[in-house]
Amino acid sequence: MVQTALKTATRQARLGWVICLGVCLTLPLNTQARNVQWYFEADTATAAPASMKTEPIEPGQAQVVVAVIDSGVLSDHPALTGKLLPGFDMVSDAQAGVGGRSSNHAPSPKGTSCGQRMVSSSFRTHGTEVASIVAGNGHQEMWGVNPNAMILPIRVFGPCGMTREDLADSIRWAAGLPVAGVPMNRSPAKVINISISGGATECRPALQAAVDEAIKQGAFVVAAAGNNFQRALVEPANCEGVISVGALSADNRIENYSALDPRTTIYTVGGGPALRVSTPWADNKLRVATIELSVLGAEQLVVADKAIGTSFAAPLVSGFLSLWLSHRPNLKPTDWASHVHQFVRSVPKLAKCPDCTPQGLVVPESILKAQR
């Protein structure tokens, strides 16, 4: 029933503004502001040069599970109602905010510190924001790339950071593989999103082994290239077989903060500083389900156009993969290389990386229709 309602709401959103107060009402577009996120919009006079153009594409019959290996996901955010599967907290450090590994995939509690060091609120909101980009259900116009996808939330880091061992275990568990001391995952993911970067400059054997096992199991592994200001890829984006994702501005240029490496698989919008043009996409930010604090310091679950980073470019690619797999569920990760040329546009090269041939993600509706 939830899936049917979401698909109906998605169709309504393409006809006009959707207002849901118990029931959904659709108002003509000419009476309300646009409700299509600029990075989804298909060919129009105002479409952003870097738009993925997925907005007209209906999800297929297959429902695809996307694992979000991140800081945890807020299960009570209304933009993710009906979207979350039973997840897991894979953080082994009992001092990291919630007391060790468990079935509680929630982020660290508000105000959690690492010893005496206070940490950014992004440790609480990051995973929720990433998940909403994949599969947001349309609450306050927070549409994911594939609102029919299901999210498998896996918490792998908190205020005290993350270990490579916990990340490797998270990848295995997401793919439905056994992990010592942890119950089996009964909802294996076809797509694994890792919006985390900052490991070694070479993928270490233990992490590569986990990636290899997940791919062999049939999971597409996607990782953010990293916000390291045009330096080379680091783990896990530099692991072989990983679809590494760099960030573009709305005008189809590589963002200054994005990693820059010939091995970067694909680029898509990651947001950045506002652009000096008079267009609907000049704000150059991505919409996410998140938390804002009231004037009294209370947390409020909101939707906001605020996301910037390769962390948010990666789930756009993961969402696209889930959309593609919803039409062709038998595809395997090894099929990606033979199909990716159908889904790319050229991106201007940067002199800093003469060996780079950057390609941006674009999804012509005719391609998916032909593959149904």
Protein backbone atom coordinates (compact mmCIF):
# COMPACT_ATOMS: atom_id res chain seq x y z
CA MET A 1 0.00 0.00 0.00
CA VAL A 2 2.85 2.40 0.84
CA GLN A 3 4.52 1.68 -2.51
CA THR A 4 1.30 2.33 -4.43
CA ALA A 5 0.71 5.60 -2.60
CA LEU A 6 4.23 6.78 -3.27
CA LYS A 7 4.04 5.99 -6.97
CA THR A 8 0.70 7.81 -7.18
CA ALA A 9 2.12 10.83 -5.37
CA THR A 10 5.14 10.81 -7.68
CA ARG A 11 2.90 10.96 -10.74
CA GLN A 12 0.85 13.73 -9.14
CA ALA A 13 3.97 15.74 -8.43
CA ARG A 14 4.79 15.74 -12.11
CA LEU A 15 1.39 17.21 -12.88
CA GLY A 16 1.44 19.85 -10.19
CA TRP A 17 2.06 20.75 -6.58
CA VAL A 18 1.09 17.94 -4.19
CA ILE A 19 -0.50 18.85 -0.87
CA CYS A 20 -1.04 15.95 1.52
CA LEU A 21 -3.26 16.43 4.57
CA GLY A 22 -4.64 12.94 4.95
CA VAL A 23 -5.32 12.89 1.19
CA CYS A 24 -3.26 14.26 -1.68
CA LEU A 25 -4.55 17.14 -3.74
CA THR A 26 -2.89 18.22 -6.97
CA LEU A 27 -2.93 21.88 -8.00
CA PRO A 28 -1.94 23.04 -11.48
CA LEU A 29 1.65 24.16 -11.85
CA ASN A 30 0.61 27.60 -13.04
CA THR A 31 -0.96 28.32 -9.65
CA GLN A 32 2.02 27.28 -7.54
CA ALA A 33 5.81 27.47 -7.56
CA ARG A 34 7.87 24.75 -9.23
CA ASN A 35 8.23 21.62 -7.15
CA VAL A 36 10.74 19.70 -9.27
CA GLN A 37 14.26 19.72 -7.88
CA TRP A 38 16.50 21.42 -10.42
CA TYR A 39 18.94 18.51 -10.62
CA PHE A 40 16.17 16.11 -11.75
CA GLU A 41 14.51 18.30 -14.36
CA ALA A 42 14.30 17.11 -17.94
CA ASP A 43 14.90 19.26 -21.03
CA THR A 44 13.25 22.64 -20.61
CA ALA A 45 14.33 26.18 -21.26
CA THR A 46 15.31 26.51 -17.60
CA ALA A 47 16.92 23.10 -17.01
CA ALA A 48 20.32 23.16 -15.33
CA PRO A 49 23.21 22.09 -17.59
CA ALA A 50 24.16 19.40 -15.03
CA SER A 51 20.63 18.07 -14.46
CA MET A 52 20.38 14.28 -14.35
CA LYS A 53 17.03 14.54 -16.19
CA THR A 54 15.42 11.73 -14.20
CA GLU A 55 12.24 13.63 -13.30
CA PRO A 56 9.94 12.10 -15.97
CA ILE A 57 11.10 8.51 -15.33
CA GLU A 58 8.75 6.27 -13.36
CA PRO A 59 10.31 3.56 -11.16
CA GLY A 60 10.04 0.05 -12.56
CA GLN A 61 8.26 -2.92 -11.01
CA ALA A 62 11.23 -4.17 -8.98
CA GLN A 63 11.74 -2.57 -5.59
CA VAL A 64 15.46 -2.06 -4.95
CA VAL A 65 17.20 -1.94 -1.56
CA VAL A 66 19.88 0.72 -1.13
CA ALA A 67 22.16 0.46 1.90
CA VAL A 68 23.22 3.79 3.38
CA ILE A 69 26.44 3.19 5.32
CA ASP A 70 26.77 6.41 7.24
CA SER A 71 26.13 8.13 10.58
CA GLY A 72 22.74 6.47 11.10
CA VAL A 73 19.29 7.54 9.95
CA LEU A 74 16.52 9.29 11.90
CA SER A 75 13.63 6.88 11.62
CA ASP A 76 11.04 9.48 12.61
CA HIS A 77 11.76 11.96 9.83
CA PRO A 78 8.51 12.26 7.83
CA ALA A 79 10.42 12.47 4.51
CA LEU A 80 11.51 8.86 5.11
CA THR A 81 8.24 7.42 6.39
CA GLY A 82 7.76 3.99 4.86
CA LYS A 83 11.28 3.98 3.42
CA LEU A 84 13.41 2.32 6.12
CA LEU A 85 14.19 -1.37 6.56
CA PRO A 86 15.57 -2.81 9.82
CA GLY A 87 19.18 -1.65 9.90
CA PHE A 88 22.15 -2.03 12.19
CA ASP A 89 24.70 -0.09 14.22
CA MET A 90 28.07 -1.47 13.18
CA VAL A 91 30.15 0.87 15.39
CA SER A 92 32.18 -1.46 17.60
CA ASP A 93 33.50 1.24 19.95
CA ALA A 94 31.24 1.16 23.01
CA GLN A 95 32.26 4.75 23.82
CA ALA A 96 30.99 6.12 20.48
CA GLY A 97 27.62 7.31 21.72
CA VAL A 98 25.26 4.33 21.85
CA GLY A 99 27.19 1.53 23.56
CA GLY A 100 28.40 -0.87 20.89
CA ARG A 101 26.91 -2.87 18.03
CA SER A 102 23.15 -3.35 18.04
CA SER A 103 20.02 -3.18 15.91
CA ASN A 104 19.62 0.51 16.76
CA HIS A 105 20.70 2.35 13.60
CA ALA A 106 19.88 5.82 14.97
CA PRO A 107 22.54 8.54 14.93
CA SER A 108 24.43 9.51 18.06
CA PRO A 109 22.20 11.36 20.53
CA LYS A 110 22.09 15.13 20.48
CA GLY A 111 25.07 16.71 22.26
CA THR A 112 27.25 13.58 22.12
CA SER A 113 30.96 14.31 22.34
CA CYS A 114 34.13 12.30 21.81
CA GLY A 115 35.75 12.61 25.20
CA GLN A 116 36.10 16.33 25.81
CA ARG A 117 35.83 17.22 22.14
CA MET A 118 32.48 18.49 20.87
CA VAL A 119 31.64 17.50 17.32
CA SER A 120 29.68 18.89 14.41
CA SER A 121 25.93 18.28 14.22
CA SER A 122 26.59 16.61 10.85
CA PHE A 123 27.33 13.45 12.82
CA ARG A 124 23.63 13.44 13.65
CA THR A 125 22.11 14.49 10.33
CA HIS A 126 24.46 13.25 7.60
CA GLY A 127 22.99 9.77 7.09
CA THR A 128 19.41 11.05 7.06
CA GLU A 129 20.30 13.65 4.45
CA VAL A 130 21.99 11.05 2.26
CA ALA A 131 19.07 8.61 2.57
CA SER A 132 16.54 11.28 1.60
CA ILE A 133 18.40 12.02 -1.65
CA VAL A 134 18.07 8.36 -2.61
CA ALA A 135 14.46 7.71 -1.65
CA GLY A 136 12.72 10.75 -0.15
CA ASN A 137 8.96 10.17 -0.20
CA GLY A 138 7.86 13.66 -1.28
CA HIS A 139 7.18 15.17 2.14
CA GLN A 140 7.54 18.92 1.70
CA GLU A 141 8.73 18.21 -1.84
CA MET A 142 11.64 16.08 -0.64
CA TRP A 143 11.72 13.66 -3.56
CA GLY A 144 14.47 11.10 -3.85
CA VAL A 145 15.80 9.93 -7.19
CA ASN A 146 13.77 6.76 -6.72
CA PRO A 147 10.97 7.19 -4.16
CA ASN A 148 10.15 3.50 -4.62
CA ALA A 149 13.56 2.37 -3.30
CA MET A 150 13.95 1.07 0.24
CA ILE A 151 16.75 2.24 2.54
CA LEU A 152 18.83 -0.15 4.63
CA PRO A 153 20.39 2.13 7.28
CA ILE A 154 23.77 1.11 8.68
CA ARG A 155 25.53 3.27 11.24
CA VAL A 156 29.31 3.09 10.87
CA PHE A 157 30.59 6.32 12.40
CA GLY A 158 29.86 8.77 15.17
CA PRO A 159 31.62 11.45 17.18
CA CYS A 160 34.82 9.43 17.51
CA GLY A 161 35.08 8.69 13.80
CA MET A 162 35.19 5.28 12.16
CA THR A 163 37.44 2.27 11.83
CA ARG A 164 38.27 0.52 8.56
CA GLU A 165 37.25 -2.78 10.16
CA ASP A 166 33.76 -1.49 10.97
CA LEU A 167 33.43 -0.19 7.41
CA ALA A 168 34.45 -3.55 5.95
CA ASP A 169 31.94 -5.34 8.19
CA SER A 170 29.24 -2.86 7.17
CA ILE A 171 29.85 -3.53 3.48
CA ARG A 172 29.66 -7.28 3.98
CA TRP A 173 26.53 -7.07 6.12
CA ALA A 174 24.83 -4.72 3.63
CA ALA A 175 25.37 -7.26 0.85
CA GLY A 176 23.85 -10.07 2.91
CA LEU A 177 27.15 -11.71 3.85
CA PRO A 178 27.86 -13.08 7.34
CA VAL A 179 29.63 -10.95 9.93
CA ALA A 180 30.87 -12.55 13.14
CA GLY A 181 28.69 -11.78 16.15
CA VAL A 182 26.03 -9.98 14.08
CA PRO A 183 22.62 -11.34 12.98
CA MET A 184 22.27 -11.93 9.23
CA ASN A 185 20.85 -9.11 7.15
CA ARG A 186 17.51 -10.34 5.81
CA SER A 187 17.22 -7.52 3.25
CA PRO A 188 20.45 -7.57 1.22
CA ALA A 189 21.14 -4.40 -0.74
CA LYS A 190 21.56 -4.22 -4.51
CA VAL A 191 23.21 -0.82 -4.11
CA ILE A 192 25.57 0.19 -1.29
CA ASN A 193 26.10 3.93 -0.79
CA ILE A 194 29.15 5.09 1.16
CA SER A 195 29.21 8.87 1.49
CA ILE A 196 32.41 8.70 3.49
CA SER A 197 35.96 9.53 2.43
CA GLY A 198 39.30 10.04 4.07
CA GLY A 199 41.12 6.73 4.35
CA ALA A 200 44.44 5.70 2.86
CA THR A 201 45.64 6.83 -0.56
CA GLU A 202 45.67 3.17 -1.62
CA CYS A 203 42.81 0.78 -0.88
CA ARG A 204 44.09 -1.58 1.78
CA PRO A 205 43.63 -5.35 1.32
CA ALA A 206 41.02 -5.87 4.06
CA LEU A 207 38.76 -3.16 2.69
CA GLN A 208 39.29 -4.27 -0.91
CA ALA A 209 38.36 -7.82 0.09
CA ALA A 210 35.05 -6.60 1.55
CA VAL A 211 34.28 -4.63 -1.61
CA ASP A 212 35.16 -7.63 -3.78
CA GLU A 213 32.88 -9.91 -1.77
CA ALA A 214 29.96 -7.47 -1.97
CA ILE A 215 30.35 -7.08 -5.72
CA LYS A 216 30.54 -10.86 -6.15
CA GLN A 217 27.31 -11.03 -4.14
CA GLY A 218 25.70 -8.74 -6.73
CA ALA A 219 25.84 -5.36 -4.98
CA PHE A 220 26.85 -2.14 -6.74
CA VAL A 221 29.18 -0.22 -4.41
CA VAL A 222 29.10 3.59 -4.70
CA ALA A 223 31.41 5.95 -2.78
CA ALA A 224 31.90 9.70 -2.57
CA ALA A 225 35.14 10.85 -4.19
CA GLY A 226 35.78 13.15 -1.23
CA ASN A 227 35.90 16.86 -0.48
CA ASN A 228 39.70 17.12 -0.56
CA PHE A 229 40.05 20.10 -2.91
CA GLN A 230 41.19 18.36 -6.10
CA ARG A 231 43.59 15.87 -4.62
CA ALA A 232 43.59 12.17 -5.52
CA LEU A 233 41.00 9.63 -4.42
CA VAL A 234 41.28 8.01 -0.99
CA GLU A 235 39.47 5.06 0.57
CA PRO A 236 36.91 3.75 -0.07
CA ALA A 237 36.48 5.57 -3.42
CA ASN A 238 39.87 4.31 -4.65
CA CYS A 239 39.02 0.64 -4.13
CA GLU A 240 38.79 -1.38 -7.33
CA GLY A 241 35.22 -1.96 -8.48
CA VAL A 242 33.79 0.98 -6.57
CA ILE A 243 31.77 3.55 -8.53
CA SER A 244 33.47 6.73 -7.31
CA VAL A 245 31.46 9.97 -7.56
CA GLY A 246 32.81 13.49 -7.93
CA ALA A 247 30.80 16.70 -7.62
CA LEU A 248 29.61 19.17 -10.26
CA SER A 249 28.08 22.60 -9.99
CA ALA A 250 24.68 23.19 -11.55
CA ASP A 251 26.40 24.62 -14.63
CA ASN A 252 28.24 21.32 -15.25
CA ARG A 253 31.67 22.24 -13.92
CA ILE A 254 33.74 20.26 -11.43
CA GLU A 255 33.34 21.85 -8.02
CA ASN A 256 36.53 23.22 -6.49
CA TYR A 257 36.19 21.04 -3.36
CA SER A 258 35.77 17.75 -5.23
CA ALA A 259 38.53 15.16 -5.47
CA LEU A 260 40.14 15.14 -8.91
CA ASP A 261 41.52 11.86 -10.16
CA PRO A 262 41.49 9.98 -13.50
CA ARG A 263 39.98 7.04 -11.62
CA THR A 264 36.82 8.98 -10.68
CA THR A 265 34.05 6.98 -12.34
CA ILE A 266 31.39 9.64 -12.77
CA TYR A 267 30.38 13.12 -11.67
CA THR A 268 27.02 14.61 -10.78
CA VAL A 269 25.70 17.63 -8.94
CA GLY A 270 27.05 18.08 -5.44
CA GLY A 271 26.12 21.70 -4.83
CA GLY A 272 28.35 24.61 -3.99
CA PRO A 273 28.39 28.40 -3.80
CA ALA A 274 25.46 30.18 -5.40
CA LEU A 275 26.02 30.96 -9.07
CA ARG A 276 25.74 34.47 -10.46
CA VAL A 277 23.01 33.74 -12.94
CA SER A 278 19.30 34.43 -12.98
CA THR A 279 17.92 30.88 -13.13
CA PRO A 280 15.99 28.54 -10.84
CA TRP A 281 19.18 26.48 -10.30
CA ALA A 282 21.53 29.31 -9.36
CA ASP A 283 21.21 28.49 -5.65
CA ASN A 284 23.33 25.41 -6.45
CA LYS A 285 22.29 23.42 -3.36
CA LEU A 286 20.66 20.00 -2.94
CA ARG A 287 17.43 19.42 -1.03
CA VAL A 288 17.64 17.11 1.99
CA ALA A 289 15.67 15.87 4.96
CA THR A 290 17.52 17.19 7.97
CA ILE A 291 17.36 18.82 11.41
CA GLU A 292 17.37 22.50 12.24
CA LEU A 293 17.47 24.02 15.71
CA SER A 294 14.76 26.36 16.93
CA VAL A 295 15.65 29.63 18.68
CA LEU A 296 15.36 27.68 21.93
CA GLY A 297 17.72 24.96 20.71
CA ALA A 298 15.10 22.29 20.10
CA GLU A 299 15.56 19.96 17.14
CA GLN A 300 13.05 20.33 14.31
CA LEU A 301 12.69 17.78 11.51
CA VAL A 302 12.69 19.82 8.30
CA VAL A 303 13.40 19.77 4.58
CA ALA A 304 15.97 22.31 3.40
CA ASP A 305 17.95 23.26 0.29
CA LYS A 306 21.36 23.20 1.94
CA ALA A 307 23.46 20.16 0.99
CA ILE A 308 26.92 20.62 -0.53
CA GLY A 309 29.57 17.94 -1.10
CA THR A 310 30.50 14.71 -2.82
CA SER A 311 28.63 13.06 0.06
CA PHE A 312 25.45 14.20 -1.65
CA ALA A 313 26.55 13.55 -5.22
CA ALA A 314 27.08 9.88 -4.37
CA PRO A 315 23.46 9.14 -3.33
CA LEU A 316 22.24 10.74 -6.56
CA VAL A 317 24.19 8.04 -8.39
CA SER A 318 22.99 5.35 -5.97
CA GLY A 319 19.42 6.53 -6.49
CA PHE A 320 19.91 6.41 -10.25
CA LEU A 321 21.26 2.86 -10.02
CA SER A 322 18.22 1.82 -8.00
CA LEU A 323 15.97 3.42 -10.63
CA TRP A 324 17.82 1.59 -13.40
CA LEU A 325 17.72 -1.72 -11.52
CA SER A 326 14.00 -1.29 -10.88
CA HIS A 327 13.58 -1.71 -14.65
CA ARG A 328 16.35 -4.29 -15.10
CA PRO A 329 16.70 -6.18 -11.80
CA ASN A 330 18.92 -8.90 -13.24
CA LEU A 331 21.81 -6.56 -14.00
CA LYS A 332 25.04 -7.18 -12.12
CA PRO A 333 27.84 -4.80 -11.08
CA THR A 334 29.99 -6.18 -13.89
CA ASP A 335 27.39 -4.87 -16.38
CA TRP A 336 28.04 -1.25 -15.40
CA ALA A 337 31.09 -0.77 -17.63
CA SER A 338 29.23 -1.87 -20.76
CA HIS A 339 26.25 0.42 -20.12
CA VAL A 340 27.68 3.56 -18.51
CA HIS A 341 28.35 5.24 -21.87
CA GLN A 342 24.57 5.55 -22.32
CA PHE A 343 24.24 7.66 -19.19
CA VAL A 344 26.99 10.26 -19.47
CA ARG A 345 27.62 13.74 -20.81
CA SER A 346 30.96 15.47 -21.23
CA VAL A 347 32.25 17.72 -18.47
CA PRO A 348 34.90 20.42 -19.05
CA LYS A 349 38.37 19.18 -18.12
CA LEU A 350 40.60 20.95 -15.64
CA ALA A 351 44.23 21.75 -16.47
CA LYS A 352 45.22 20.38 -13.07
CA CYS A 353 44.35 16.85 -14.24
CA PRO A 354 45.34 16.42 -17.90
CA ASP A 355 44.71 12.68 -17.69
CA CYS A 356 41.14 13.11 -16.46
CA THR A 357 38.20 12.62 -18.81
CA PRO A 358 35.32 13.64 -16.56
CA GLN A 359 31.84 12.42 -17.41
CA GLY A 360 28.59 13.64 -15.88
CA LEU A 361 25.51 11.55 -15.16
CA VAL A 362 22.49 12.12 -17.42
CA VAL A 363 19.59 9.73 -17.90
CA PRO A 364 17.64 10.07 -21.16
CA GLU A 365 14.11 8.75 -20.61
CA SER A 366 14.29 6.97 -23.96
CA ILE A 367 17.15 4.79 -22.70
CA LEU A 368 15.23 3.40 -19.74
CA LYS A 369 12.05 3.01 -21.78
CA ALA A 370 13.95 0.96 -24.35
CA GLN A 371 15.27 -1.30 -21.61
CA ARG A 372 11.94 -2.14 -20.02
